[in-house]
N, C-alpha and C. Protein backbone atom coordinates (compact mmCIF):
# COMPACT_ATOMS: atom_id res chain seq x y z
N MET A 1 13.36 -36.74 26.51
CA MET A 1 11.54 -37.58 26.64
C MET A 1 12.14 -38.13 28.61
N LYS A 2 13.21 -38.46 28.29
CA LYS A 2 13.16 -38.79 29.69
C LYS A 2 13.37 -38.06 30.64
N THR A 3 13.75 -36.67 30.67
CA THR A 3 14.54 -35.94 31.45
C THR A 3 13.10 -35.45 31.25
N LEU A 4 12.33 -34.92 30.62
CA LEU A 4 11.09 -34.38 30.45
C LEU A 4 9.78 -35.10 31.43
N ARG A 5 9.77 -35.91 31.20
CA ARG A 5 8.80 -37.36 32.31
C ARG A 5 9.55 -36.84 33.83
N SER A 6 11.20 -37.07 33.75
CA SER A 6 11.34 -37.40 35.00
C SER A 6 11.32 -36.15 36.22
N TYR A 7 10.52 -34.65 35.45
CA TYR A 7 9.61 -33.98 36.08
C TYR A 7 8.61 -33.94 36.48
N THR A 8 7.80 -34.84 36.50
CA THR A 8 6.87 -35.53 37.02
C THR A 8 7.18 -36.66 37.82
N GLY A 9 7.69 -36.93 37.51
CA GLY A 9 7.92 -38.56 38.69
C GLY A 9 7.44 -39.43 37.33
N ASP A 10 7.76 -39.62 36.33
CA ASP A 10 7.79 -40.22 35.19
C ASP A 10 6.20 -40.57 35.06
N HIS A 11 5.27 -39.99 35.51
CA HIS A 11 4.14 -39.62 36.42
C HIS A 11 3.06 -38.97 34.79
N GLY A 12 3.64 -38.24 33.85
CA GLY A 12 3.40 -37.13 32.76
C GLY A 12 2.89 -36.32 32.89
N TYR A 13 2.25 -35.48 31.91
CA TYR A 13 1.72 -34.42 32.11
C TYR A 13 -0.09 -34.11 31.84
N HIS A 14 -1.04 -33.27 32.51
CA HIS A 14 -2.03 -33.37 32.31
C HIS A 14 -2.36 -32.49 31.09
N ASP A 15 -1.49 -31.51 30.80
CA ASP A 15 -2.36 -31.08 29.46
C ASP A 15 -0.59 -31.22 29.18
N VAL A 16 -0.75 -30.95 27.67
CA VAL A 16 0.54 -31.19 26.80
C VAL A 16 -0.14 -29.93 25.46
N PHE A 17 0.65 -28.27 25.68
CA PHE A 17 0.25 -28.09 24.18
C PHE A 17 1.27 -28.13 22.96
N VAL A 18 1.16 -28.40 21.78
CA VAL A 18 1.92 -28.35 20.71
C VAL A 18 1.89 -27.45 19.73
N PHE A 19 2.56 -26.48 19.49
CA PHE A 19 2.60 -25.47 18.80
C PHE A 19 2.67 -25.28 17.27
N ALA A 20 3.31 -26.74 17.19
CA ALA A 20 3.84 -26.43 15.54
C ALA A 20 3.70 -28.16 14.69
N PRO A 21 2.78 -27.70 13.20
CA PRO A 21 2.57 -28.66 12.93
C PRO A 21 3.79 -29.81 12.26
N VAL A 22 4.27 -30.34 13.44
CA VAL A 22 5.11 -31.44 12.79
C VAL A 22 4.92 -32.64 13.50
N SER A 23 5.48 -33.79 12.46
CA SER A 23 4.50 -34.89 13.06
C SER A 23 5.35 -35.38 14.38
N GLY A 24 6.67 -35.06 14.01
CA GLY A 24 7.34 -35.70 15.83
C GLY A 24 7.08 -34.42 16.59
N VAL A 25 6.37 -33.63 17.00
CA VAL A 25 6.61 -33.08 17.81
C VAL A 25 5.42 -33.42 18.56
N ILE A 26 4.47 -33.84 17.43
CA ILE A 26 2.58 -34.33 17.75
C ILE A 26 3.00 -35.34 18.93
N GLU A 27 3.97 -36.45 18.17
CA GLU A 27 3.63 -37.65 18.69
C GLU A 27 4.53 -37.80 19.87
N GLN A 28 5.84 -36.69 19.75
CA GLN A 28 6.89 -36.54 21.27
C GLN A 28 5.49 -36.09 22.71
N GLY A 29 4.41 -34.85 22.05
CA GLY A 29 3.75 -34.49 23.27
C GLY A 29 2.81 -36.10 23.70
N ASP A 30 2.25 -36.31 22.76
CA ASP A 30 1.24 -37.61 23.59
C ASP A 30 2.06 -38.54 23.98
N SER A 31 3.26 -39.00 24.37
CA SER A 31 4.31 -39.65 25.17
C SER A 31 4.17 -38.96 25.78
N LEU A 32 3.91 -37.64 26.42
CA LEU A 32 4.32 -36.78 27.52
C LEU A 32 2.96 -36.79 28.20
N LEU A 33 1.56 -37.33 27.57
CA LEU A 33 0.54 -37.00 28.62
C LEU A 33 0.61 -38.47 29.98
N ALA A 34 -0.14 -37.78 30.84
CA ALA A 34 -0.73 -38.64 32.23
C ALA A 34 -2.12 -38.89 31.70
N ARG A 35 -2.24 -39.68 32.65
CA ARG A 35 -3.55 -40.48 32.88
C ARG A 35 -4.57 -38.89 32.31
N ASP A 36 -5.80 -39.56 31.30
CA ASP A 36 -6.71 -38.39 31.46
C ASP A 36 -6.24 -37.27 31.10
N GLY A 37 -4.95 -37.12 30.26
CA GLY A 37 -4.27 -35.58 30.16
C GLY A 37 -4.56 -35.06 28.35
N CYS A 38 -4.59 -34.15 28.46
CA CYS A 38 -5.24 -33.50 26.53
C CYS A 38 -3.78 -33.18 26.28
N LEU A 39 -3.68 -33.74 24.81
CA LEU A 39 -2.82 -32.75 23.94
C LEU A 39 -3.55 -32.01 22.63
N ASN A 40 -3.56 -30.19 23.31
CA ASN A 40 -3.70 -29.15 22.45
C ASN A 40 -2.95 -29.16 21.82
N PHE A 41 -3.48 -29.36 20.03
CA PHE A 41 -2.98 -29.31 19.18
C PHE A 41 -3.25 -27.92 18.86
N PHE A 42 -2.65 -26.97 19.12
CA PHE A 42 -2.81 -25.19 18.40
C PHE A 42 -2.48 -24.60 17.04
N ALA A 43 -1.89 -25.77 16.64
CA ALA A 43 -1.46 -24.89 15.32
C ALA A 43 -2.02 -26.02 13.88
N GLY A 44 -2.43 -25.13 13.49
CA GLY A 44 -3.52 -25.71 12.13
C GLY A 44 -2.64 -25.91 10.92
N PRO A 45 -2.04 -27.45 10.43
CA PRO A 45 -1.23 -27.65 9.41
C PRO A 45 -2.20 -26.21 8.24
N GLU A 46 -0.92 -26.18 7.31
CA GLU A 46 -1.35 -25.69 6.04
C GLU A 46 -2.00 -27.26 4.61
N ASP A 47 -1.23 -28.36 4.86
CA ASP A 47 -1.44 -29.35 4.36
C ASP A 47 -2.59 -29.88 5.36
N SER A 48 -3.93 -30.28 4.10
CA SER A 48 -4.54 -30.93 4.48
C SER A 48 -4.56 -32.69 4.85
N ARG A 49 -3.16 -32.97 4.33
CA ARG A 49 -3.02 -34.42 4.14
C ARG A 49 -2.16 -34.73 5.74
N PHE A 50 -1.72 -33.61 6.45
CA PHE A 50 -0.90 -33.63 7.58
C PHE A 50 -1.46 -35.21 8.02
N THR A 51 -0.55 -35.77 8.63
CA THR A 51 -0.67 -37.03 9.54
C THR A 51 0.28 -37.12 10.56
N ALA A 52 -0.10 -37.64 12.19
CA ALA A 52 0.62 -37.86 12.95
C ALA A 52 0.25 -39.19 13.61
N LYS A 53 0.80 -40.16 14.18
CA LYS A 53 0.84 -40.81 14.86
C LYS A 53 0.35 -41.19 16.39
N LEU A 54 -0.31 -41.13 16.81
CA LEU A 54 -0.99 -41.07 18.13
C LEU A 54 -1.18 -42.85 18.62
N ASN A 55 -1.11 -42.62 20.31
CA ASN A 55 -1.51 -44.11 21.14
C ASN A 55 -2.15 -43.99 21.19
N PHE A 56 -3.05 -44.99 20.24
CA PHE A 56 -4.42 -45.14 20.86
C PHE A 56 -5.08 -46.04 21.78
N TYR A 57 -3.67 -46.63 22.48
CA TYR A 57 -4.22 -47.40 23.82
C TYR A 57 -4.23 -46.72 24.91
N ASN A 58 -3.51 -45.14 24.61
CA ASN A 58 -3.61 -44.23 25.73
C ASN A 58 -5.46 -43.82 25.88
N VAL A 59 -5.71 -43.67 23.90
CA VAL A 59 -6.87 -42.76 24.37
C VAL A 59 -8.11 -43.61 25.00
N HIS A 60 -7.98 -45.02 24.86
CA HIS A 60 -9.21 -46.00 25.77
C HIS A 60 -8.54 -46.06 26.82
N TYR A 61 -7.53 -46.79 27.27
CA TYR A 61 -6.88 -47.02 28.32
C TYR A 61 -6.72 -46.04 29.76
N GLU A 62 -5.99 -44.98 29.03
CA GLU A 62 -5.59 -44.11 29.91
C GLU A 62 -5.86 -43.27 29.72
N SER A 63 -7.50 -42.68 29.37
CA SER A 63 -8.52 -41.76 28.57
C SER A 63 -7.79 -40.65 28.57
N THR A 64 -6.71 -40.37 27.28
CA THR A 64 -6.33 -39.45 27.13
C THR A 64 -6.95 -38.73 25.88
N HIS A 65 -7.13 -37.82 25.72
CA HIS A 65 -7.72 -37.07 24.51
C HIS A 65 -6.25 -35.78 23.61
N ILE A 66 -7.56 -35.90 22.31
CA ILE A 66 -7.05 -34.45 21.83
C ILE A 66 -7.67 -33.15 21.50
N VAL A 67 -7.49 -32.63 21.35
CA VAL A 67 -8.13 -31.16 20.78
C VAL A 67 -7.65 -30.24 19.82
N GLY A 68 -8.08 -29.50 19.22
CA GLY A 68 -7.28 -28.52 18.05
C GLY A 68 -7.63 -27.49 18.37
N THR A 69 -7.07 -26.46 18.61
CA THR A 69 -7.70 -24.97 18.88
C THR A 69 -6.92 -23.90 18.50
N SER A 70 -7.75 -23.18 17.91
CA SER A 70 -7.57 -21.77 17.49
C SER A 70 -6.80 -20.63 18.23
N GLY A 71 -7.68 -20.81 19.41
CA GLY A 71 -7.64 -19.28 20.06
C GLY A 71 -8.42 -18.63 20.09
N GLY A 72 -8.90 -19.19 18.70
CA GLY A 72 -10.46 -17.92 18.93
C GLY A 72 -11.07 -18.22 17.95
N ASN A 73 -12.31 -18.37 16.96
CA ASN A 73 -13.04 -18.11 16.20
C ASN A 73 -13.44 -16.61 15.02
N ASN A 74 -14.20 -16.92 13.96
CA ASN A 74 -14.38 -15.71 13.19
C ASN A 74 -14.81 -14.59 13.37
N ASN A 75 -15.94 -14.99 15.01
CA ASN A 75 -16.28 -13.76 15.18
C ASN A 75 -15.52 -12.89 16.15
N ASP A 76 -14.05 -13.87 17.29
CA ASP A 76 -13.35 -13.28 17.53
C ASP A 76 -12.23 -12.12 16.19
N MET A 77 -12.33 -12.84 15.73
CA MET A 77 -11.29 -11.79 14.46
C MET A 77 -11.64 -11.05 13.65
N LEU A 78 -13.25 -10.58 13.61
CA LEU A 78 -14.32 -9.71 13.39
C LEU A 78 -14.31 -8.64 13.87
N THR A 79 -14.56 -9.51 15.28
CA THR A 79 -14.39 -8.52 16.24
C THR A 79 -12.39 -7.53 16.33
N ALA A 80 -11.92 -8.14 16.61
CA ALA A 80 -10.47 -7.56 16.55
C ALA A 80 -10.08 -6.83 15.29
N LEU A 81 -10.69 -7.12 13.86
CA LEU A 81 -10.53 -6.39 12.89
C LEU A 81 -11.07 -4.96 12.70
N THR A 82 -12.58 -4.93 13.79
CA THR A 82 -12.58 -3.79 13.47
C THR A 82 -12.42 -2.65 14.85
N MET A 83 -11.93 -3.76 15.73
CA MET A 83 -11.10 -2.18 16.96
C MET A 83 -10.18 -2.17 15.95
N MET A 84 -9.49 -2.99 15.27
CA MET A 84 -8.47 -2.05 14.65
C MET A 84 -8.34 -0.81 13.43
N VAL A 85 -9.61 -1.27 12.94
CA VAL A 85 -10.61 -0.16 12.03
C VAL A 85 -10.35 0.92 12.78
N ASP A 86 -11.10 1.26 13.75
CA ASP A 86 -11.63 1.88 14.96
C ASP A 86 -10.61 2.41 15.61
N GLY A 87 -9.43 2.15 14.99
CA GLY A 87 -8.12 2.42 15.87
C GLY A 87 -7.49 2.05 16.53
N LEU A 88 -7.85 0.50 17.00
CA LEU A 88 -6.65 0.15 17.96
C LEU A 88 -5.61 -0.17 17.29
N ASP A 89 -4.45 0.29 18.41
CA ASP A 89 -3.07 -0.03 16.93
C ASP A 89 -2.56 -1.24 17.84
N PRO A 90 -2.64 -2.74 17.42
CA PRO A 90 -2.47 -4.28 18.32
C PRO A 90 -0.62 -3.85 18.88
N ALA A 91 0.18 -3.22 18.70
CA ALA A 91 1.15 -3.08 19.07
C ALA A 91 1.32 -2.61 20.25
N GLY A 92 0.23 -1.62 20.69
CA GLY A 92 0.48 -1.23 21.92
C GLY A 92 0.25 -2.19 23.50
N LEU A 93 0.07 -3.59 22.74
CA LEU A 93 -0.72 -4.71 23.60
C LEU A 93 0.51 -5.68 23.92
N VAL A 94 1.99 -5.35 23.18
CA VAL A 94 2.77 -5.67 23.00
C VAL A 94 3.75 -5.18 24.58
N THR A 95 4.02 -5.33 25.96
CA THR A 95 5.01 -4.93 26.98
C THR A 95 6.08 -5.51 26.91
N HIS A 96 6.47 -6.81 26.86
CA HIS A 96 7.36 -7.21 26.96
C HIS A 96 8.18 -7.63 26.32
N ILE A 97 9.52 -7.88 26.07
CA ILE A 97 10.24 -8.66 24.73
C ILE A 97 10.55 -9.45 25.65
N GLY A 98 11.31 -10.41 24.93
CA GLY A 98 12.44 -11.44 25.65
C GLY A 98 12.59 -12.79 24.11
N GLY A 99 13.36 -13.85 24.67
CA GLY A 99 14.13 -14.19 24.03
C GLY A 99 13.92 -15.77 24.53
N LEU A 100 14.31 -17.12 23.71
CA LEU A 100 13.77 -18.28 24.57
C LEU A 100 14.35 -18.70 26.04
N ASN A 101 15.24 -18.05 25.87
CA ASN A 101 15.63 -18.16 27.74
C ASN A 101 14.72 -17.83 28.79
N ALA A 102 13.77 -16.75 27.92
CA ALA A 102 13.13 -16.42 28.97
C ALA A 102 11.39 -16.90 29.12
N VAL A 103 11.45 -17.85 28.57
CA VAL A 103 10.08 -18.85 28.05
C VAL A 103 9.43 -19.09 29.63
N ILE A 104 10.69 -20.32 29.50
CA ILE A 104 10.17 -20.82 31.29
C ILE A 104 10.08 -20.15 32.20
N ASP A 105 10.57 -19.11 32.88
CA ASP A 105 10.66 -18.37 34.17
C ASP A 105 9.35 -17.71 33.73
N SER A 106 8.68 -17.02 32.68
CA SER A 106 7.86 -16.49 31.79
C SER A 106 6.98 -16.68 32.34
N THR A 107 6.83 -17.60 31.66
CA THR A 107 5.82 -18.87 32.10
C THR A 107 5.13 -18.95 33.65
N ILE A 108 5.87 -19.96 33.86
CA ILE A 108 6.32 -20.03 35.18
C ILE A 108 5.12 -18.60 36.18
N HIS A 109 6.23 -17.21 36.08
CA HIS A 109 5.58 -16.24 36.85
C HIS A 109 4.40 -15.50 35.80
N LEU A 110 4.12 -15.91 34.82
CA LEU A 110 2.82 -14.50 34.08
C LEU A 110 1.99 -14.29 35.26
N PRO A 111 1.49 -15.15 35.81
CA PRO A 111 0.70 -14.00 36.56
C PRO A 111 0.96 -12.90 37.27
N GLU A 112 1.85 -12.87 37.59
CA GLU A 112 3.22 -11.96 38.44
C GLU A 112 3.92 -10.96 37.83
N ILE A 113 3.71 -10.67 36.07
CA ILE A 113 4.03 -10.03 35.71
C ILE A 113 3.29 -8.60 35.17
N PRO A 114 3.86 -7.84 35.59
CA PRO A 114 2.60 -7.03 34.64
C PRO A 114 2.01 -6.46 33.48
N GLY A 115 1.37 -6.11 33.12
CA GLY A 115 1.22 -5.20 31.39
C GLY A 115 1.12 -6.42 30.28
N GLY A 116 0.80 -5.98 29.29
CA GLY A 116 0.37 -6.95 28.60
C GLY A 116 0.77 -8.08 27.91
N LYS A 117 0.94 -8.32 26.86
CA LYS A 117 1.92 -9.49 25.82
C LYS A 117 3.09 -9.09 25.83
N LYS A 118 3.37 -10.69 25.91
CA LYS A 118 5.25 -11.11 26.37
C LYS A 118 5.19 -11.48 25.02
N LEU A 119 6.08 -11.04 23.48
CA LEU A 119 6.40 -11.04 23.07
C LEU A 119 8.10 -11.86 22.68
N ILE A 120 7.76 -13.31 22.71
CA ILE A 120 9.00 -13.88 22.64
C ILE A 120 9.61 -14.20 21.25
N TYR A 121 10.78 -13.90 20.99
CA TYR A 121 11.52 -14.23 19.93
C TYR A 121 12.33 -15.98 20.16
N THR A 122 11.83 -16.68 19.48
CA THR A 122 12.53 -18.36 19.98
C THR A 122 13.88 -18.21 19.89
N HIS A 123 14.26 -17.68 19.03
CA HIS A 123 16.10 -18.32 18.23
C HIS A 123 17.00 -16.92 18.81
N ILE A 124 16.69 -15.71 19.46
CA ILE A 124 17.45 -15.23 20.47
C ILE A 124 17.61 -15.53 21.87
N ASP A 125 18.79 -14.99 22.48
CA ASP A 125 19.03 -14.71 24.00
C ASP A 125 18.81 -13.62 24.22
N MET A 126 17.85 -13.35 25.20
CA MET A 126 17.66 -12.33 25.95
C MET A 126 16.58 -12.31 27.00
N ASN A 127 16.66 -11.62 27.71
CA ASN A 127 15.89 -11.85 29.45
C ASN A 127 14.41 -11.16 28.97
N LEU A 128 13.14 -11.97 29.21
CA LEU A 128 12.26 -10.50 29.49
C LEU A 128 12.46 -9.24 30.02
N THR A 129 12.00 -8.53 29.08
CA THR A 129 12.58 -6.90 29.30
C THR A 129 10.91 -6.26 29.33
N ALA A 130 10.82 -5.75 29.93
CA ALA A 130 9.42 -4.97 29.59
C ALA A 130 10.02 -3.08 28.99
N ILE A 131 9.26 -3.71 27.92
CA ILE A 131 9.60 -1.54 26.63
C ILE A 131 9.87 -0.84 27.69
N GLU A 132 9.21 -0.40 29.11
CA GLU A 132 9.28 0.91 29.65
C GLU A 132 10.76 0.84 30.23
N ASP A 133 11.30 -0.56 30.49
CA ASP A 133 12.58 -0.36 31.49
C ASP A 133 13.58 0.07 30.51
N PHE A 134 13.51 -0.17 29.35
CA PHE A 134 14.65 0.17 27.91
C PHE A 134 15.59 0.89 28.18
N GLU A 135 14.81 2.89 28.54
CA GLU A 135 15.47 3.62 29.14
C GLU A 135 16.36 3.53 29.83
N ASP A 136 15.75 3.40 31.16
CA ASP A 136 17.09 2.65 32.52
C ASP A 136 17.78 1.95 32.02
N LEU A 137 17.48 0.76 31.48
CA LEU A 137 18.26 -0.39 31.16
C LEU A 137 19.74 0.34 29.87
N GLY A 138 18.83 1.52 29.17
CA GLY A 138 20.25 1.72 28.48
C GLY A 138 20.87 2.84 28.55
N LYS A 139 20.47 3.07 29.58
CA LYS A 139 22.05 4.07 30.68
C LYS A 139 23.50 2.60 30.47
N SER A 140 23.24 1.66 30.49
CA SER A 140 24.70 1.31 30.86
C SER A 140 24.81 -0.15 29.92
N ASN A 141 23.90 0.24 29.00
CA ASN A 141 23.46 -1.51 27.66
C ASN A 141 23.13 -0.82 26.40
N SER A 142 24.24 -0.62 25.50
CA SER A 142 23.99 0.05 24.15
C SER A 142 22.68 -0.42 23.74
N LEU A 143 22.55 -1.70 23.82
CA LEU A 143 21.52 -2.48 23.01
C LEU A 143 20.35 -1.90 23.48
N TYR A 144 19.72 -1.75 24.51
CA TYR A 144 18.85 -0.78 25.31
C TYR A 144 18.28 0.14 24.78
N HIS A 145 19.60 1.33 24.92
CA HIS A 145 19.69 2.12 24.76
C HIS A 145 19.03 3.05 23.42
N ASP A 146 19.49 1.66 21.69
CA ASP A 146 19.47 2.34 21.06
C ASP A 146 17.77 1.68 20.90
N LEU A 147 17.02 0.70 21.58
CA LEU A 147 15.59 -0.36 21.37
C LEU A 147 14.81 1.56 22.33
N ALA A 148 15.17 1.55 23.18
CA ALA A 148 14.85 2.55 23.78
C ALA A 148 14.65 4.17 22.75
N ARG A 149 15.54 4.35 22.16
CA ARG A 149 15.20 5.72 20.93
C ARG A 149 14.37 5.07 19.96
N ILE A 150 14.28 3.87 19.92
CA ILE A 150 13.84 3.38 18.42
C ILE A 150 11.93 3.24 19.23
N THR A 151 11.93 2.77 20.46
CA THR A 151 10.45 2.96 20.52
C THR A 151 9.36 4.20 20.52
N ARG A 152 10.73 5.09 20.91
CA ARG A 152 10.27 6.55 21.95
C ARG A 152 9.43 6.95 20.91
N LYS A 153 10.51 6.98 19.18
CA LYS A 153 10.16 7.05 18.03
C LYS A 153 8.56 6.53 17.55
N HIS A 154 8.40 5.75 18.45
CA HIS A 154 7.06 4.98 17.75
C HIS A 154 6.17 4.77 19.31
N GLU A 155 6.03 6.37 19.59
CA GLU A 155 4.96 6.20 20.89
C GLU A 155 5.22 5.30 21.91
N GLY A 156 6.08 4.78 22.46
CA GLY A 156 6.28 3.65 23.11
C GLY A 156 6.00 2.31 23.00
N MET A 157 5.92 2.10 21.39
CA MET A 157 5.50 0.86 20.81
C MET A 157 6.88 0.16 20.82
N TRP A 158 6.36 -1.35 20.77
CA TRP A 158 7.35 -2.04 19.70
C TRP A 158 7.26 -1.64 18.10
N SER A 159 7.85 -2.19 17.66
CA SER A 159 7.26 -1.67 16.11
C SER A 159 8.73 -3.09 14.80
N VAL A 160 8.17 -2.64 13.41
CA VAL A 160 8.91 -3.43 12.92
C VAL A 160 10.32 -2.90 13.15
N GLU A 161 10.66 -1.55 13.01
CA GLU A 161 11.75 -1.22 13.48
C GLU A 161 12.46 -1.97 14.45
N ALA A 162 11.56 -1.76 16.09
CA ALA A 162 12.38 -2.15 16.57
C ALA A 162 12.76 -3.88 16.91
N GLU A 163 11.36 -4.30 16.23
CA GLU A 163 12.35 -5.81 15.44
C GLU A 163 13.21 -6.23 14.90
N GLU A 164 12.95 -5.49 14.08
CA GLU A 164 14.57 -5.76 12.73
C GLU A 164 15.69 -4.89 13.28
N PHE A 165 16.28 -4.34 14.40
CA PHE A 165 16.90 -3.66 15.48
C PHE A 165 17.47 -4.79 16.12
N LEU A 166 16.39 -5.04 16.76
CA LEU A 166 17.10 -6.30 17.86
C LEU A 166 17.21 -7.77 17.21
N LEU A 167 16.58 -7.69 15.97
CA LEU A 167 17.66 -9.16 15.58
C LEU A 167 18.84 -9.34 15.22
N GLN A 168 18.64 -8.01 14.53
CA GLN A 168 20.19 -7.57 14.29
C GLN A 168 21.49 -7.65 14.79
N ASN A 169 20.35 -7.53 15.86
CA ASN A 169 21.82 -7.01 17.17
C ASN A 169 21.77 -7.66 18.42
N THR A 170 21.06 -8.86 18.60
CA THR A 170 21.14 -9.79 19.61
C THR A 170 22.04 -11.57 19.29
N ASP A 171 22.49 -11.75 20.36
CA ASP A 171 22.98 -13.32 20.06
C ASP A 171 21.93 -14.32 19.95
N ARG A 172 22.40 -15.09 18.65
CA ARG A 172 20.85 -16.16 18.11
C ARG A 172 21.45 -17.35 19.08
N ILE A 173 20.56 -18.33 19.43
CA ILE A 173 20.53 -19.28 20.10
C ILE A 173 21.22 -20.22 19.18
N ASN A 174 22.16 -20.71 19.08
CA ASN A 174 22.97 -22.02 18.37
C ASN A 174 22.16 -23.08 18.64
N PRO A 175 21.62 -23.76 17.22
CA PRO A 175 20.49 -24.86 17.28
C PRO A 175 21.04 -26.26 18.22
N CYS A 176 21.99 -26.45 17.81
CA CYS A 176 23.53 -27.75 17.76
C CYS A 176 24.04 -27.39 19.56
């Protein structure tokens, strides 16, 4: 916690996104907020009794606030489903694959990275890599050689087969 706050000179962060319905993570996010900061709780819990502690002193005196979002609404979901029924394959939206080690750099440079969705596997170690680069990288790396072969089979798109192969053949991040 001290390390994260130190990056801001102990000022805190204006926006903190929580992507997991875990009480401790929400409480940590709350403690990282700056004055007038917003805690965005993006991951809806399944348990209707789910709770976490929030610093209401800061809500009152530091103007911090909390918002819950899902990234879309029912109309967005209906539009997406209609587009898929009409032939859009969402796999075609994924243009890059990476592991947890790629998150920070990818997030910082996201506007500069071309393409569509960047799919991150949070339990593997893999640099962010464009699917279209698998072929060239495969000339000197067997993992990318095989991923290129699999994605070619799926018209250049990411697939369940590619994911299963990746997860069976990449280094796992040791959580300890």
